[in-house]
Amino acid sequence: MIETSRLTIVPLTLDQLQLHVADNTRLEQALGLRPGHRTVVEPLLSVITHFTIPRLKDSSFDPLYHTIWIAIDRQKRQIVADAKFKGEPDETGTVEIGYGTYPAFQRQGYMSEIVGGLVEWASQQPAVQRVVADTDAENVASQKVLEKNKFVMFGRVENMLWWEYELRGNTT
């Protein structure tokens, strides 16, 4: 669990993740939260169904690097966004993150807070040296989130921009 100024960011268990995709209120009911504006849509639904759930069922994967992390606004008692690590650190100590805010909660600074929380959590993991993320070249809001969290753009592949945050200096 990660605490930021407004949010509690929680990694979902397999059972909670299955409630997350079952409908738009069962997870909130199970967690004692107010139903909100959460909808799991494509492509996230396919990612959860075909990758996340199978990996959470396989004990060889670290669930914290494969599950969905939900962001709960403590004052509103609602889920406002979710995020994900896209696997364990690779051989260079790099982890990739993905994130999204539900439309009703966009432009309120939640995503900057969530990305900051994920980077802080990652910095406490000994195997993690770097955090990367990609954004569509036209997604200026997402780019601003990364810039606000001191990510630096390091590459472009077609319409996708790649960003990085170095947690520790390279010791080699």
Protein backbone atom coordinates (compact mmCIF):
# COMPACT_ATOMS: atom_id res chain seq x y z
CA MET A 1 0.00 0.00 0.00
CA ILE A 2 1.17 3.52 -0.86
CA GLU A 3 -0.04 6.67 0.89
CA THR A 4 0.14 10.08 -0.81
CA SER A 5 -1.37 13.38 0.29
CA ARG A 6 -4.89 12.49 -0.90
CA LEU A 7 -4.68 8.89 -1.99
CA THR A 8 -4.27 5.37 -0.78
CA ILE A 9 -2.88 3.23 -3.60
CA VAL A 10 -3.61 -0.45 -3.09
CA PRO A 11 -2.43 -3.52 -5.02
CA LEU A 12 -5.41 -5.78 -5.72
CA THR A 13 -5.44 -9.43 -4.75
CA LEU A 14 -6.65 -11.98 -7.30
CA ASP A 15 -10.12 -12.05 -5.71
CA GLN A 16 -10.31 -8.24 -5.67
CA LEU A 17 -9.13 -8.07 -9.27
CA GLN A 18 -11.90 -10.46 -10.33
CA LEU A 19 -14.42 -8.17 -8.58
CA HIS A 20 -12.79 -5.19 -10.34
CA VAL A 21 -13.69 -6.61 -13.76
CA ALA A 22 -16.99 -8.27 -12.76
CA ASP A 23 -18.96 -5.02 -12.80
CA ASN A 24 -18.61 -1.40 -11.81
CA THR A 25 -19.59 -1.62 -8.13
CA ARG A 26 -18.68 -5.03 -6.63
CA LEU A 27 -15.13 -4.05 -5.75
CA GLU A 28 -16.33 -0.86 -4.06
CA GLN A 29 -18.90 -2.85 -2.08
CA ALA A 30 -16.22 -5.32 -0.95
CA LEU A 31 -13.88 -2.50 0.12
CA GLY A 32 -16.59 -0.37 1.78
CA LEU A 33 -16.17 2.46 -0.73
CA ARG A 34 -18.69 4.69 -2.47
CA PRO A 35 -19.54 3.60 -6.01
CA GLY A 36 -18.20 6.08 -8.48
CA HIS A 37 -17.42 6.51 -12.09
CA ARG A 38 -15.18 3.47 -12.53
CA THR A 39 -15.50 1.47 -15.72
CA VAL A 40 -12.99 -1.15 -16.87
CA VAL A 41 -12.90 -0.87 -20.66
CA GLU A 42 -10.66 -2.08 -23.47
CA PRO A 43 -7.74 -2.42 -23.74
CA LEU A 44 -7.40 -2.70 -19.93
CA LEU A 45 -10.08 -5.38 -19.73
CA SER A 46 -8.16 -7.63 -22.15
CA VAL A 47 -4.88 -6.99 -20.33
CA ILE A 48 -6.44 -8.00 -17.02
CA THR A 49 -8.22 -11.05 -18.47
CA HIS A 50 -5.40 -12.43 -20.61
CA PHE A 51 -2.26 -11.39 -18.71
CA THR A 52 -2.87 -10.07 -15.20
CA ILE A 53 -5.21 -12.75 -13.84
CA PRO A 54 -3.17 -15.69 -15.24
CA ARG A 55 0.02 -14.23 -13.76
CA LEU A 56 -1.60 -13.73 -10.36
CA LYS A 57 -2.55 -17.41 -10.44
CA ASP A 58 1.08 -18.38 -11.13
CA SER A 59 3.21 -18.26 -7.96
CA SER A 60 6.41 -17.81 -9.99
CA PHE A 61 5.40 -14.17 -10.62
CA ASP A 62 5.60 -11.46 -7.95
CA PRO A 63 1.97 -10.25 -7.71
CA LEU A 64 2.95 -6.67 -6.83
CA TYR A 65 4.54 -6.29 -10.27
CA HIS A 66 1.60 -7.84 -12.13
CA THR A 67 -1.60 -6.73 -10.44
CA ILE A 68 -3.63 -3.56 -10.84
CA TRP A 69 -3.07 -0.93 -8.15
CA ILE A 70 -6.18 1.17 -7.45
CA ALA A 71 -6.04 4.75 -6.22
CA ILE A 72 -8.63 5.63 -3.59
CA ASP A 73 -9.35 9.26 -2.76
CA ARG A 74 -9.58 9.01 1.03
CA GLN A 75 -11.88 12.04 1.40
CA LYS A 76 -14.29 11.00 -1.37
CA ARG A 77 -13.98 7.29 -0.49
CA GLN A 78 -13.95 6.49 -4.20
CA ILE A 79 -11.62 4.79 -6.64
CA VAL A 80 -10.36 7.52 -8.96
CA ALA A 81 -7.72 5.76 -11.08
CA ASP A 82 -5.60 2.68 -11.49
CA ALA A 83 -2.03 1.88 -12.38
CA LYS A 84 0.14 -1.12 -13.07
CA PHE A 85 3.72 -2.27 -13.13
CA LYS A 86 4.19 -4.27 -16.34
CA GLY A 87 6.29 -7.01 -14.78
CA GLU A 88 9.23 -7.52 -12.45
CA PRO A 89 12.46 -5.58 -12.90
CA ASP A 90 14.41 -6.78 -15.93
CA GLU A 91 18.15 -7.58 -15.97
CA THR A 92 18.94 -3.83 -15.94
CA GLY A 93 16.67 -3.16 -12.95
CA THR A 94 14.04 -1.48 -15.12
CA VAL A 95 10.30 -1.63 -14.45
CA GLU A 96 7.62 -0.17 -16.69
CA ILE A 97 4.47 1.50 -15.42
CA GLY A 98 1.11 2.18 -17.03
CA TYR A 99 -1.70 4.27 -15.58
CA GLY A 100 -5.08 5.82 -16.24
CA THR A 101 -7.55 8.14 -14.55
CA TYR A 102 -11.28 7.60 -14.90
CA PRO A 103 -12.79 10.42 -17.01
CA ALA A 104 -14.78 11.95 -14.13
CA PHE A 105 -11.53 12.47 -12.19
CA GLN A 106 -9.22 13.77 -14.91
CA ARG A 107 -7.42 17.10 -14.61
CA GLN A 108 -7.43 17.01 -10.82
CA GLY A 109 -3.79 16.05 -10.28
CA TYR A 110 -4.49 12.46 -9.31
CA MET A 111 -2.24 10.92 -11.92
CA SER A 112 0.76 13.04 -10.95
CA GLU A 113 0.22 11.92 -7.37
CA ILE A 114 -0.15 8.25 -8.36
CA VAL A 115 2.96 8.20 -10.56
CA GLY A 116 4.91 9.89 -7.75
CA GLY A 117 3.69 7.23 -5.33
CA LEU A 118 4.65 4.39 -7.67
CA VAL A 119 8.12 5.86 -8.19
CA GLU A 120 8.56 6.24 -4.42
CA TRP A 121 7.49 2.61 -3.87
CA ALA A 122 9.81 1.42 -6.67
CA SER A 123 12.72 3.35 -5.12
CA GLN A 124 12.33 1.20 -1.99
CA GLN A 125 12.68 -2.05 -3.97
CA PRO A 126 16.37 -3.07 -4.08
CA ALA A 127 16.14 -4.65 -7.55
CA VAL A 128 14.66 -1.54 -9.20
CA GLN A 129 17.10 0.93 -10.74
CA ARG A 130 14.89 2.71 -13.26
CA VAL A 131 11.20 3.29 -14.01
CA VAL A 132 10.01 3.75 -17.59
CA ALA A 133 6.68 4.66 -19.15
CA ASP A 134 5.36 5.30 -22.62
CA THR A 135 2.88 7.87 -23.85
CA ASP A 136 1.24 8.56 -27.15
CA ALA A 137 2.90 11.55 -28.80
CA GLU A 138 -0.46 13.35 -28.78
CA ASN A 139 -1.22 12.65 -25.10
CA VAL A 140 0.09 15.91 -23.68
CA ALA A 141 -1.61 15.38 -20.30
CA SER A 142 0.24 12.11 -19.73
CA GLN A 143 3.51 13.70 -20.81
CA LYS A 144 2.99 16.49 -18.28
CA VAL A 145 2.39 13.90 -15.54
CA LEU A 146 5.74 12.30 -16.31
CA GLU A 147 7.56 15.64 -16.58
CA LYS A 148 6.08 16.74 -13.26
CA ASN A 149 7.54 13.57 -11.73
CA LYS A 150 10.98 14.29 -13.25
CA PHE A 151 10.85 11.65 -15.98
CA VAL A 152 12.99 12.42 -19.02
CA MET A 153 12.08 11.43 -22.56
CA PHE A 154 14.68 9.05 -23.97
CA GLY A 155 13.19 7.72 -27.18
CA ARG A 156 10.45 7.61 -29.74
CA VAL A 157 9.07 4.66 -31.70
CA GLU A 158 6.57 5.83 -34.31
CA ASN A 159 3.86 7.68 -32.33
CA MET A 160 5.02 6.41 -28.89
CA LEU A 161 7.30 8.46 -26.64
CA TRP A 162 9.43 6.64 -24.05
CA TRP A 163 10.26 8.22 -20.68
CA GLU A 164 12.56 7.21 -17.83
CA TYR A 165 13.24 8.02 -14.21
CA GLU A 166 16.62 6.89 -12.90
CA LEU A 167 16.33 5.83 -9.26
CA ARG A 168 19.97 5.06 -8.68
CA GLY A 169 23.06 6.05 -10.61
CA ASN A 170 24.66 3.40 -12.74
CA THR A 171 27.41 1.85 -10.58
CA THR A 172 29.24 0.01 -13.37
